[in-house]
Amino acid sequence: MSELDVLEDDLKIASRILEWEIGDIWGHVGTRLPSGEGVTLKLFRRPEEAGVEDWIVRFDYAMNKISGVARPPTEAAIYTEIFKARPDVNAIVHCHAPMCIALGLAGKKVDAVHMQSSHFAGGVPIFPKPIFIIDEAEGKELADAMRKDDAIVITGHGVVLLGKSIDEVCIRTLYLERTARIMAVAYGLGFQGLTDEFRKYMEGTKEKHRQYLNKVRGPRQYIAEWSYYKDKVRKGEWWNRGSV
């Protein structure tokens, strides 16, 4: 398989994982083309063309189609403008995670409330405009809002997440929505937000855990959740997304 084939196979896996986890067919996941000329992107839903299984389209940084199925999505500017602004980012997800949207409407930031959400410590910013990101100007505005962050909630719309790789951004998206579900339930039960003491303990125990694992195992070179869910998708198996 070529490098592009490998990347697009991972896009297909990420798309299936997130379609199931998020319950959204209108999202997409994209990565940089190995050639450097633009983006290859997989839409969660199937294409309208008969006999075509995967909706993968490649486009340049001016949002012009290079090859693939149909046309670039309406919000291709999310990918082109963030990739231009953030050379450290190699993969992006945009989807419409319902609990993240709900918290955003309430003005509540998704935060590091449990062990698997430590990446969101300090709170995921909320983009205040309930808009589609359609043109270059809107894409630049979003990219500017994410210049120091790897996740954002667009008010009344959805989420955008960034990562160094497809597996990283996929699992980061999965945990963002799971964390939002936990927080929504907790707020309903009287949760008042994180205390400084909670944050201190959470940060301390996560670092202690990281050091312990590095000592007994060494740095992990893969994302365990990605390997697990990728295997599930390959086998055509599904998983329980939890009752929260």
Protein backbone atom coordinates (compact mmCIF):
# COMPACT_ATOMS: atom_id res chain seq x y z
CA MET A 1 0.00 0.00 0.00
CA SER A 2 1.16 3.52 -0.72
CA GLU A 3 1.43 6.11 2.03
CA LEU A 4 -1.78 7.69 0.75
CA ASP A 5 -3.56 4.31 0.82
CA VAL A 6 -2.52 3.78 4.44
CA LEU A 7 -3.72 7.24 5.46
CA GLU A 8 -7.05 6.84 3.70
CA ASP A 9 -7.58 3.43 5.24
CA ASP A 10 -7.13 5.06 8.65
CA LEU A 11 -9.57 7.81 7.63
CA LYS A 12 -12.15 5.10 6.91
CA ILE A 13 -11.56 3.51 10.32
CA ALA A 14 -11.78 6.85 12.15
CA SER A 15 -14.96 7.71 10.27
CA ARG A 16 -16.66 4.47 11.32
CA ILE A 17 -15.57 4.83 14.94
CA LEU A 18 -16.86 8.39 15.21
CA GLU A 19 -20.07 7.81 13.26
CA TRP A 20 -20.94 5.15 15.83
CA GLU A 21 -19.69 7.02 18.89
CA ILE A 22 -21.07 10.45 18.07
CA GLY A 23 -24.24 9.39 16.25
CA ASP A 24 -23.55 11.85 13.42
CA ILE A 25 -23.47 11.19 9.67
CA TRP A 26 -22.61 14.75 8.68
CA GLY A 27 -19.10 14.91 10.16
CA HIS A 28 -15.77 14.30 8.45
CA VAL A 29 -12.12 13.60 9.21
CA GLY A 30 -9.17 14.76 7.15
CA THR A 31 -5.40 14.68 6.96
CA ARG A 32 -2.66 16.26 4.89
CA LEU A 33 -1.86 14.69 1.53
CA PRO A 34 1.64 13.12 1.56
CA SER A 35 2.48 15.24 -1.50
CA GLY A 36 1.87 18.40 0.51
CA GLU A 37 -0.54 19.77 -2.10
CA GLY A 38 -3.65 19.70 0.05
CA VAL A 39 -6.06 17.56 2.06
CA THR A 40 -7.61 14.11 1.80
CA LEU A 41 -10.91 13.89 3.64
CA LYS A 42 -13.42 11.15 4.49
CA LEU A 43 -17.04 12.11 5.09
CA PHE A 44 -18.81 9.96 7.69
CA ARG A 45 -21.77 9.24 5.43
CA ARG A 46 -21.78 7.23 2.24
CA PRO A 47 -21.75 9.05 -1.10
CA GLU A 48 -24.90 9.46 -3.14
CA GLU A 49 -23.29 7.83 -6.18
CA ALA A 50 -24.49 4.25 -6.63
CA GLY A 51 -21.86 1.59 -6.11
CA VAL A 52 -19.39 3.86 -4.30
CA GLU A 53 -18.63 2.74 -0.75
CA ASP A 54 -16.50 5.53 0.69
CA TRP A 55 -16.82 9.28 0.29
CA ILE A 56 -13.19 10.33 0.09
CA VAL A 57 -12.26 13.54 -1.69
CA ARG A 58 -8.91 15.28 -2.13
CA PHE A 59 -8.60 19.05 -2.52
CA ASP A 60 -5.95 21.76 -2.51
CA TYR A 61 -5.54 24.64 -0.06
CA ALA A 62 -7.76 26.83 -2.23
CA MET A 63 -10.55 24.23 -1.77
CA ASN A 64 -10.34 23.09 -5.41
CA LYS A 65 -10.96 19.39 -5.97
CA ILE A 66 -7.93 17.33 -6.95
CA SER A 67 -9.55 13.89 -7.16
CA GLY A 68 -11.98 11.56 -5.43
CA VAL A 69 -15.73 11.39 -4.96
CA ALA A 70 -18.11 14.29 -5.61
CA ARG A 71 -16.82 17.62 -4.27
CA PRO A 72 -15.12 18.96 -1.14
CA PRO A 73 -17.54 19.46 1.77
CA THR A 74 -19.15 22.84 2.38
CA GLU A 75 -16.84 23.42 5.34
CA ALA A 76 -13.57 22.49 3.63
CA ALA A 77 -12.20 25.82 4.90
CA ILE A 78 -11.94 24.30 8.38
CA TYR A 79 -9.20 22.03 7.07
CA THR A 80 -7.44 24.32 4.63
CA GLU A 81 -7.14 27.28 6.99
CA ILE A 82 -6.18 25.31 10.10
CA PHE A 83 -3.58 23.29 8.21
CA LYS A 84 -2.11 26.52 6.83
CA ALA A 85 -2.04 28.13 10.28
CA ARG A 86 -0.89 25.10 12.31
CA PRO A 87 2.10 23.21 10.85
CA ASP A 88 2.08 21.01 13.97
CA VAL A 89 -1.35 19.61 13.04
CA ASN A 90 -1.69 16.67 10.64
CA ALA A 91 -5.29 15.54 11.22
CA ILE A 92 -8.61 17.27 11.89
CA VAL A 93 -12.12 16.12 12.83
CA HIS A 94 -15.28 18.18 12.49
CA CYS A 95 -18.53 16.68 13.74
CA HIS A 96 -21.74 17.57 15.55
CA ALA A 97 -21.30 16.04 19.00
CA PRO A 98 -24.65 16.60 20.78
CA MET A 99 -23.54 16.82 24.41
CA CYS A 100 -20.66 19.13 23.52
CA ILE A 101 -23.18 21.37 21.76
CA ALA A 102 -25.49 21.25 24.79
CA LEU A 103 -22.73 22.29 27.19
CA GLY A 104 -21.64 25.04 24.82
CA LEU A 105 -25.15 26.47 24.70
CA ALA A 106 -25.12 26.54 28.50
CA GLY A 107 -21.76 28.31 28.50
CA LYS A 108 -20.07 25.32 30.16
CA LYS A 109 -16.63 24.29 28.93
CA VAL A 110 -15.75 20.62 28.57
CA ASP A 111 -13.02 20.09 31.18
CA ALA A 112 -10.75 17.45 32.72
CA VAL A 113 -13.31 15.88 35.06
CA HIS A 114 -12.05 12.29 34.79
CA MET A 115 -8.85 10.42 34.00
CA GLN A 116 -9.39 10.09 30.24
CA SER A 117 -10.18 13.78 29.81
CA SER A 118 -6.91 15.21 31.12
CA HIS A 119 -6.08 16.60 27.67
CA PHE A 120 -8.94 19.08 28.12
CA ALA A 121 -7.58 20.54 31.37
CA GLY A 122 -8.45 24.20 31.71
CA GLY A 123 -11.56 23.88 29.58
CA VAL A 124 -12.21 23.60 25.85
CA PRO A 125 -12.88 27.06 24.40
CA ILE A 126 -16.28 27.95 22.95
CA PHE A 127 -16.42 29.71 19.58
CA PRO A 128 -19.23 32.23 20.10
CA LYS A 129 -20.71 32.43 16.60
CA PRO A 130 -23.32 29.78 15.63
CA ILE A 131 -22.17 29.59 12.00
CA PHE A 132 -21.04 27.22 9.28
CA ILE A 133 -17.36 27.66 8.41
CA ILE A 134 -17.83 28.14 4.69
CA ASP A 135 -15.32 30.61 3.29
CA GLU A 136 -11.67 31.49 3.77
CA ALA A 137 -12.39 34.38 6.16
CA GLU A 138 -14.48 32.19 8.47
CA GLY A 139 -11.85 29.45 8.30
CA LYS A 140 -9.14 31.93 9.28
CA GLU A 141 -11.25 33.19 12.17
CA LEU A 142 -11.68 29.65 13.47
CA ALA A 143 -7.99 28.85 12.97
CA ASP A 144 -7.07 32.00 14.91
CA ALA A 145 -9.38 30.93 17.74
CA MET A 146 -7.52 27.59 17.84
CA ARG A 147 -3.98 28.92 17.61
CA LYS A 148 -3.19 27.52 21.09
CA ASP A 149 -5.87 24.83 21.41
CA ASP A 150 -6.50 21.39 19.94
CA ALA A 151 -10.27 21.42 20.48
CA ILE A 152 -13.11 23.91 20.23
CA VAL A 153 -16.89 23.87 20.52
CA ILE A 154 -18.72 25.98 17.92
CA THR A 155 -21.84 27.36 19.59
CA GLY A 156 -25.00 25.68 18.35
CA HIS A 157 -23.08 23.75 15.70
CA GLY A 158 -20.43 21.21 16.62
CA VAL A 159 -16.80 20.60 17.45
CA VAL A 160 -13.41 20.75 15.76
CA LEU A 161 -10.47 18.75 17.05
CA LEU A 162 -6.83 18.68 15.98
CA GLY A 163 -4.10 16.08 16.30
CA LYS A 164 -0.69 15.02 15.11
CA SER A 165 -2.18 11.91 13.54
CA ILE A 166 -5.51 10.37 12.54
CA ASP A 167 -5.57 7.96 15.46
CA GLU A 168 -4.84 10.73 17.96
CA VAL A 169 -7.55 13.09 16.71
CA CYS A 170 -10.09 10.26 16.47
CA ILE A 171 -9.68 9.13 20.07
CA ARG A 172 -9.47 12.73 21.27
CA THR A 173 -12.87 13.37 19.66
CA LEU A 174 -14.33 10.23 21.21
CA TYR A 175 -13.28 11.32 24.70
CA LEU A 176 -14.44 14.89 24.22
CA GLU A 177 -18.04 13.77 23.67
CA ARG A 178 -17.86 11.12 26.41
CA THR A 179 -16.59 13.77 28.82
CA ALA A 180 -19.40 16.13 27.83
CA ARG A 181 -21.93 13.38 28.58
CA ILE A 182 -20.44 12.83 32.03
CA MET A 183 -20.47 16.55 32.75
CA ALA A 184 -24.06 17.02 31.58
CA VAL A 185 -25.24 14.28 33.95
CA ALA A 186 -23.08 15.64 36.78
CA TYR A 187 -24.48 19.16 36.39
CA GLY A 188 -27.97 17.68 36.58
CA LEU A 189 -27.01 16.03 39.87
CA GLY A 190 -25.71 19.25 41.39
CA PHE A 191 -22.11 19.45 40.15
CA GLN A 192 -20.83 23.01 40.59
CA GLY A 193 -17.62 22.83 38.59
CA LEU A 194 -14.06 21.78 39.38
CA THR A 195 -12.26 23.04 42.46
CA ASP A 196 -8.59 23.99 42.50
CA GLU A 197 -7.97 21.04 44.84
CA PHE A 198 -9.57 18.61 42.37
CA ARG A 199 -7.43 19.97 39.54
CA LYS A 200 -4.29 19.68 41.65
CA TYR A 201 -4.96 16.05 42.54
CA MET A 202 -5.95 15.16 38.97
CA GLU A 203 -2.82 16.70 37.45
CA GLY A 204 -0.59 15.14 40.10
CA THR A 205 -1.94 11.61 39.81
CA LYS A 206 -1.87 11.69 35.99
CA GLU A 207 1.79 12.67 36.03
CA LYS A 208 2.58 10.02 38.64
CA HIS A 209 0.76 7.44 36.52
CA ARG A 210 2.69 8.50 33.40
CA GLN A 211 6.03 8.21 35.18
CA TYR A 212 5.12 4.81 36.60
CA LEU A 213 4.16 3.41 33.20
CA ASN A 214 7.31 4.79 31.60
CA LYS A 215 9.34 3.04 34.28
CA VAL A 216 7.69 -0.38 34.07
CA ARG A 217 6.81 -0.43 30.38
CA GLY A 218 8.54 2.40 28.58
CA PRO A 219 6.80 5.01 26.42
CA ARG A 220 3.87 3.55 24.51
CA GLN A 221 4.24 3.90 20.75
CA TYR A 222 0.55 3.44 19.95
CA ILE A 223 -2.86 4.52 21.22
CA ALA A 224 -4.50 1.55 22.92
CA GLU A 225 -8.06 2.71 22.29
CA TRP A 226 -7.36 3.15 18.58
CA SER A 227 -6.00 -0.39 18.31
CA TYR A 228 -9.03 -1.76 20.16
CA TYR A 229 -11.71 0.04 18.14
CA LYS A 230 -9.86 -0.41 14.85
CA ASP A 231 -9.91 -4.17 15.45
CA LYS A 232 -13.65 -3.98 16.22
CA VAL A 233 -14.33 -2.15 12.96
CA ARG A 234 -12.21 -4.63 10.98
CA LYS A 235 -14.24 -7.51 12.40
CA GLY A 236 -17.55 -5.76 11.82
CA GLU A 237 -18.24 -5.73 15.56
CA TRP A 238 -19.80 -2.88 17.53
CA TRP A 239 -19.37 -1.85 21.14
CA ASN A 240 -21.44 -0.53 24.01
CA ARG A 241 -21.09 3.24 24.13
CA GLY A 242 -22.23 3.35 27.75
CA SER A 243 -25.48 4.40 29.35
CA VAL A 244 -24.59 7.98 30.30
